[in-house]
Amino acid sequence: MQVDLLNSQVLWVGIGCQKGTSGKLVSVAIEKILRDTQFTYSAIAGIATIASKASEMGLREFCQVHNFPLKTFTAEILAGVNVPNPAKIIAQIVGTPSVAEASAILAAMEISSQARLLVPKQIFRLPEEAGVVTVAIAVTSTIPNDLQSTILKK
């Protein structure tokens, strides 16, 4: 059974990706997480990432196809977010130890200060596609009370 959260857009999907990552890879990664969690696209409020990825064609293409807003944050702001899975190598490359988890949390916190990480980062690759994408999902606290226990068990 898929969870559509009563058509509430309460999920922010944080994305980290390598330069040149395709829209197909972004789509496959998000679809896999949605299947695993039984969420639907209608629950997604938007996509969030680091400012330096705002012009990535694969990411922009995905957002355009699904009519999702793309919210970006600077590395300095992302670096200030406490996340469960920081990566020193990412910090050396982009200036913050987290892109996917931190951007998802920050985007959801703009809606509700009670936002929290729902799906920790997951890394995806496709043999026939260039690049790597990392996806995490944060949820706002605006989930109706009767659905919170069902959703947050996942």
C-alpha atoms as a PDB file:
ATOM      1  CA  MET A   1       0.000   0.000   0.000  1.00  0.00           C
ATOM      2  CA  GLN A   2       1.432   3.368  -0.974  1.00  0.00           C
ATOM      3  CA  VAL A   3       1.250   6.252   1.465  1.00  0.00           C
ATOM      4  CA  ASP A   4       0.131   9.468  -0.186  1.00  0.00           C
ATOM      5  CA  LEU A   5      -0.056  11.433   3.088  1.00  0.00           C
ATOM      6  CA  LEU A   6      -3.554  12.649   2.188  1.00  0.00           C
ATOM      7  CA  ASN A   7      -2.064  14.705  -0.618  1.00  0.00           C
ATOM      8  CA  SER A   8       0.112  16.594   1.877  1.00  0.00           C
ATOM      9  CA  GLN A   9       3.436  17.743   0.510  1.00  0.00           C
ATOM     10  CA  VAL A  10       5.544  17.132   3.610  1.00  0.00           C
ATOM     11  CA  LEU A  11       8.691  15.460   2.293  1.00  0.00           C
ATOM     12  CA  TRP A  12      11.844  17.258   1.159  1.00  0.00           C
ATOM     13  CA  VAL A  13      14.248  15.197  -0.882  1.00  0.00           C
ATOM     14  CA  GLY A  14      17.895  16.128  -0.431  1.00  0.00           C
ATOM     15  CA  ILE A  15      20.164  15.356  -3.369  1.00  0.00           C
ATOM     16  CA  GLY A  16      23.912  15.201  -3.690  1.00  0.00           C
ATOM     17  CA  CYS A  17      25.351  14.308  -7.077  1.00  0.00           C
ATOM     18  CA  GLN A  18      28.468  14.228  -9.171  1.00  0.00           C
ATOM     19  CA  LYS A  19      28.855  16.622 -12.053  1.00  0.00           C
ATOM     20  CA  GLY A  20      27.094  15.262 -15.125  1.00  0.00           C
ATOM     21  CA  THR A  21      24.680  12.986 -13.260  1.00  0.00           C
ATOM     22  CA  SER A  22      21.681  12.287 -15.495  1.00  0.00           C
ATOM     23  CA  GLY A  23      18.047  13.027 -14.799  1.00  0.00           C
ATOM     24  CA  LYS A  24      17.435   9.318 -15.327  1.00  0.00           C
ATOM     25  CA  LEU A  25      19.743   8.400 -12.444  1.00  0.00           C
ATOM     26  CA  VAL A  26      18.096  10.993 -10.167  1.00  0.00           C
ATOM     27  CA  SER A  27      14.685   9.610 -11.126  1.00  0.00           C
ATOM     28  CA  VAL A  28      15.672   5.960 -10.600  1.00  0.00           C
ATOM     29  CA  ALA A  29      17.140   6.762  -7.173  1.00  0.00           C
ATOM     30  CA  ILE A  30      14.085   8.664  -5.943  1.00  0.00           C
ATOM     31  CA  GLU A  31      11.672   6.090  -7.363  1.00  0.00           C
ATOM     32  CA  LYS A  32      13.558   3.314  -5.523  1.00  0.00           C
ATOM     33  CA  ILE A  33      13.301   5.135  -2.211  1.00  0.00           C
ATOM     34  CA  LEU A  34       9.624   5.909  -2.793  1.00  0.00           C
ATOM     35  CA  ARG A  35       8.932   2.232  -3.511  1.00  0.00           C
ATOM     36  CA  ASP A  36      10.873   1.118  -0.438  1.00  0.00           C
ATOM     37  CA  THR A  37       9.083   3.581   1.843  1.00  0.00           C
ATOM     38  CA  GLN A  38       5.703   3.316   0.098  1.00  0.00           C
ATOM     39  CA  PHE A  39       5.513   7.084  -0.356  1.00  0.00           C
ATOM     40  CA  THR A  40       4.250   8.698  -3.545  1.00  0.00           C
ATOM     41  CA  TYR A  41       5.488  11.645  -5.582  1.00  0.00           C
ATOM     42  CA  SER A  42       2.490  13.636  -4.325  1.00  0.00           C
ATOM     43  CA  ALA A  43       4.046  13.690  -0.823  1.00  0.00           C
ATOM     44  CA  ILE A  44       7.167  15.495  -2.071  1.00  0.00           C
ATOM     45  CA  ALA A  45       7.249  19.231  -1.434  1.00  0.00           C
ATOM     46  CA  GLY A  46      10.493  19.764  -3.335  1.00  0.00           C
ATOM     47  CA  ILE A  47      14.121  18.945  -3.945  1.00  0.00           C
ATOM     48  CA  ALA A  48      17.028  20.462  -2.010  1.00  0.00           C
ATOM     49  CA  THR A  49      20.771  20.505  -2.666  1.00  0.00           C
ATOM     50  CA  ILE A  50      23.965  22.511  -2.355  1.00  0.00           C
ATOM     51  CA  ALA A  51      24.069  25.802  -4.276  1.00  0.00           C
ATOM     52  CA  SER A  52      26.921  24.620  -6.490  1.00  0.00           C
ATOM     53  CA  LYS A  53      24.602  21.942  -7.974  1.00  0.00           C
ATOM     54  CA  ALA A  54      21.792  24.347  -8.910  1.00  0.00           C
ATOM     55  CA  SER A  55      22.800  24.265 -12.571  1.00  0.00           C
ATOM     56  CA  GLU A  56      23.236  20.472 -12.860  1.00  0.00           C
ATOM     57  CA  MET A  57      21.176  19.522 -15.913  1.00  0.00           C
ATOM     58  CA  GLY A  58      20.090  16.111 -14.599  1.00  0.00           C
ATOM     59  CA  LEU A  59      18.788  17.640 -11.388  1.00  0.00           C
ATOM     60  CA  ARG A  60      17.101  20.546 -13.166  1.00  0.00           C
ATOM     61  CA  GLU A  61      15.561  18.151 -15.682  1.00  0.00           C
ATOM     62  CA  PHE A  62      14.120  15.962 -12.910  1.00  0.00           C
ATOM     63  CA  CYS A  63      12.638  18.982 -11.105  1.00  0.00           C
ATOM     64  CA  GLN A  64      11.144  20.343 -14.316  1.00  0.00           C
ATOM     65  CA  VAL A  65       9.554  17.021 -15.309  1.00  0.00           C
ATOM     66  CA  HIS A  66       7.926  16.661 -11.875  1.00  0.00           C
ATOM     67  CA  ASN A  67       7.276  20.378 -11.319  1.00  0.00           C
ATOM     68  CA  PHE A  68       9.268  20.372  -8.070  1.00  0.00           C
ATOM     69  CA  PRO A  69      10.897  23.501  -6.690  1.00  0.00           C
ATOM     70  CA  LEU A  70      14.670  23.277  -6.285  1.00  0.00           C
ATOM     71  CA  LYS A  71      15.891  24.800  -3.034  1.00  0.00           C
ATOM     72  CA  THR A  72      19.615  25.381  -2.592  1.00  0.00           C
ATOM     73  CA  PHE A  73      21.860  26.123   0.361  1.00  0.00           C
ATOM     74  CA  THR A  74      25.470  27.235   0.588  1.00  0.00           C
ATOM     75  CA  ALA A  75      28.125  24.818   1.802  1.00  0.00           C
ATOM     76  CA  GLU A  76      28.614  27.006   4.889  1.00  0.00           C
ATOM     77  CA  ILE A  77      24.947  26.692   5.876  1.00  0.00           C
ATOM     78  CA  LEU A  78      24.855  22.947   5.176  1.00  0.00           C
ATOM     79  CA  ALA A  79      28.009  22.427   7.250  1.00  0.00           C
ATOM     80  CA  GLY A  80      26.146  23.721  10.313  1.00  0.00           C
ATOM     81  CA  VAL A  81      23.536  20.947  10.229  1.00  0.00           C
ATOM     82  CA  ASN A  82      23.979  17.957  12.527  1.00  0.00           C
ATOM     83  CA  VAL A  83      23.524  14.801  10.413  1.00  0.00           C
ATOM     84  CA  PRO A  84      23.864  11.094  11.226  1.00  0.00           C
ATOM     85  CA  ASN A  85      26.145  10.256   8.298  1.00  0.00           C
ATOM     86  CA  PRO A  86      28.722  12.991   7.661  1.00  0.00           C
ATOM     87  CA  ALA A  87      31.467  12.249   5.138  1.00  0.00           C
ATOM     88  CA  LYS A  88      34.939  13.757   5.449  1.00  0.00           C
ATOM     89  CA  ILE A  89      35.659  13.171   1.754  1.00  0.00           C
ATOM     90  CA  ILE A  90      32.580  15.198   0.770  1.00  0.00           C
ATOM     91  CA  ALA A  91      33.658  17.974   3.135  1.00  0.00           C
ATOM     92  CA  GLN A  92      37.018  18.114   1.357  1.00  0.00           C
ATOM     93  CA  ILE A  93      35.363  18.277  -2.067  1.00  0.00           C
ATOM     94  CA  VAL A  94      32.410  20.651  -1.519  1.00  0.00           C
ATOM     95  CA  GLY A  95      33.033  22.271   1.859  1.00  0.00           C
ATOM     96  CA  THR A  96      30.382  20.452   3.901  1.00  0.00           C
ATOM     97  CA  PRO A  97      30.282  16.897   5.270  1.00  0.00           C
ATOM     98  CA  SER A  98      26.683  16.467   4.109  1.00  0.00           C
ATOM     99  CA  VAL A  99      24.683  17.559   1.094  1.00  0.00           C
ATOM    100  CA  ALA A 100      21.697  15.197   0.821  1.00  0.00           C
ATOM    101  CA  GLU A 101      20.848  14.824   4.513  1.00  0.00           C
ATOM    102  CA  ALA A 102      21.638  18.421   5.476  1.00  0.00           C
ATOM    103  CA  SER A 103      19.752  20.003   2.560  1.00  0.00           C
ATOM    104  CA  ALA A 104      16.677  17.801   3.130  1.00  0.00           C
ATOM    105  CA  ILE A 105      16.613  18.755   6.818  1.00  0.00           C
ATOM    106  CA  LEU A 106      17.113  22.473   6.152  1.00  0.00           C
ATOM    107  CA  ALA A 107      14.407  22.597   3.468  1.00  0.00           C
ATOM    108  CA  ALA A 108      11.918  20.815   5.732  1.00  0.00           C
ATOM    109  CA  MET A 109      12.858  23.104   8.652  1.00  0.00           C
ATOM    110  CA  GLU A 110      11.814  26.129   6.594  1.00  0.00           C
ATOM    111  CA  ILE A 111       8.276  24.730   6.854  1.00  0.00           C
ATOM    112  CA  SER A 112       8.476  23.396  10.402  1.00  0.00           C
ATOM    113  CA  SER A 113      11.085  23.687  13.125  1.00  0.00           C
ATOM    114  CA  GLN A 114      10.168  20.125  14.103  1.00  0.00           C
ATOM    115  CA  ALA A 115      11.445  18.646  10.836  1.00  0.00           C
ATOM    116  CA  ARG A 116      13.536  15.506  10.999  1.00  0.00           C
ATOM    117  CA  LEU A 117      15.411  13.120   8.767  1.00  0.00           C
ATOM    118  CA  LEU A 118      13.135  10.290   7.706  1.00  0.00           C
ATOM    119  CA  VAL A 119      15.335   8.410   5.215  1.00  0.00           C
ATOM    120  CA  PRO A 120      19.116   8.629   5.786  1.00  0.00           C
ATOM    121  CA  LYS A 121      21.306   9.077   2.729  1.00  0.00           C
ATOM    122  CA  GLN A 122      21.418   6.323   0.174  1.00  0.00           C
ATOM    123  CA  ILE A 123      23.890   6.230  -2.703  1.00  0.00           C
ATOM    124  CA  PHE A 124      22.859   5.166  -6.200  1.00  0.00           C
ATOM    125  CA  ARG A 125      24.724   4.289  -9.396  1.00  0.00           C
ATOM    126  CA  LEU A 126      23.594   2.806 -12.692  1.00  0.00           C
ATOM    127  CA  PRO A 127      26.006   0.787 -14.824  1.00  0.00           C
ATOM    128  CA  GLU A 128      24.949   2.516 -18.034  1.00  0.00           C
ATOM    129  CA  GLU A 129      24.783   6.053 -16.600  1.00  0.00           C
ATOM    130  CA  ALA A 130      27.517   8.489 -15.648  1.00  0.00           C
ATOM    131  CA  GLY A 131      27.659   9.870 -12.135  1.00  0.00           C
ATOM    132  CA  VAL A 132      26.499   9.041  -8.654  1.00  0.00           C
ATOM    133  CA  VAL A 133      23.528  10.424  -6.749  1.00  0.00           C
ATOM    134  CA  THR A 134      22.947  10.490  -3.004  1.00  0.00           C
ATOM    135  CA  VAL A 135      19.372  10.857  -1.761  1.00  0.00           C
ATOM    136  CA  ALA A 136      17.933  11.544   1.701  1.00  0.00           C
ATOM    137  CA  ILE A 137      14.421  12.503   2.789  1.00  0.00           C
ATOM    138  CA  ALA A 138      13.308  14.766   5.616  1.00  0.00           C
ATOM    139  CA  VAL A 139       9.765  15.226   6.818  1.00  0.00           C
ATOM    140  CA  THR A 140       8.060  18.287   8.240  1.00  0.00           C
ATOM    141  CA  SER A 141       5.964  18.049  11.370  1.00  0.00           C
ATOM    142  CA  THR A 142       2.859  18.984   9.387  1.00  0.00           C
ATOM    143  CA  ILE A 143       1.936  15.324   8.919  1.00  0.00           C
ATOM    144  CA  PRO A 144      -1.579  14.729  10.239  1.00  0.00           C
ATOM    145  CA  ASN A 145      -1.411  13.134  13.712  1.00  0.00           C
ATOM    146  CA  ASP A 146      -3.239   9.973  12.650  1.00  0.00           C
ATOM    147  CA  LEU A 147      -0.565   9.262  10.004  1.00  0.00           C
ATOM    148  CA  GLN A 148       2.559  10.133  11.999  1.00  0.00           C
ATOM    149  CA  SER A 149       2.993   6.770  13.683  1.00  0.00           C
ATOM    150  CA  THR A 150       2.465   4.855  10.435  1.00  0.00           C
ATOM    151  CA  ILE A 151       4.894   6.988   8.450  1.00  0.00           C
ATOM    152  CA  LEU A 152       7.598   7.469  11.033  1.00  0.00           C
ATOM    153  CA  LYS A 153       7.870   3.709  11.690  1.00  0.00           C
ATOM    154  CA  LYS A 154       9.415   3.320   8.246  1.00  0.00           C
END
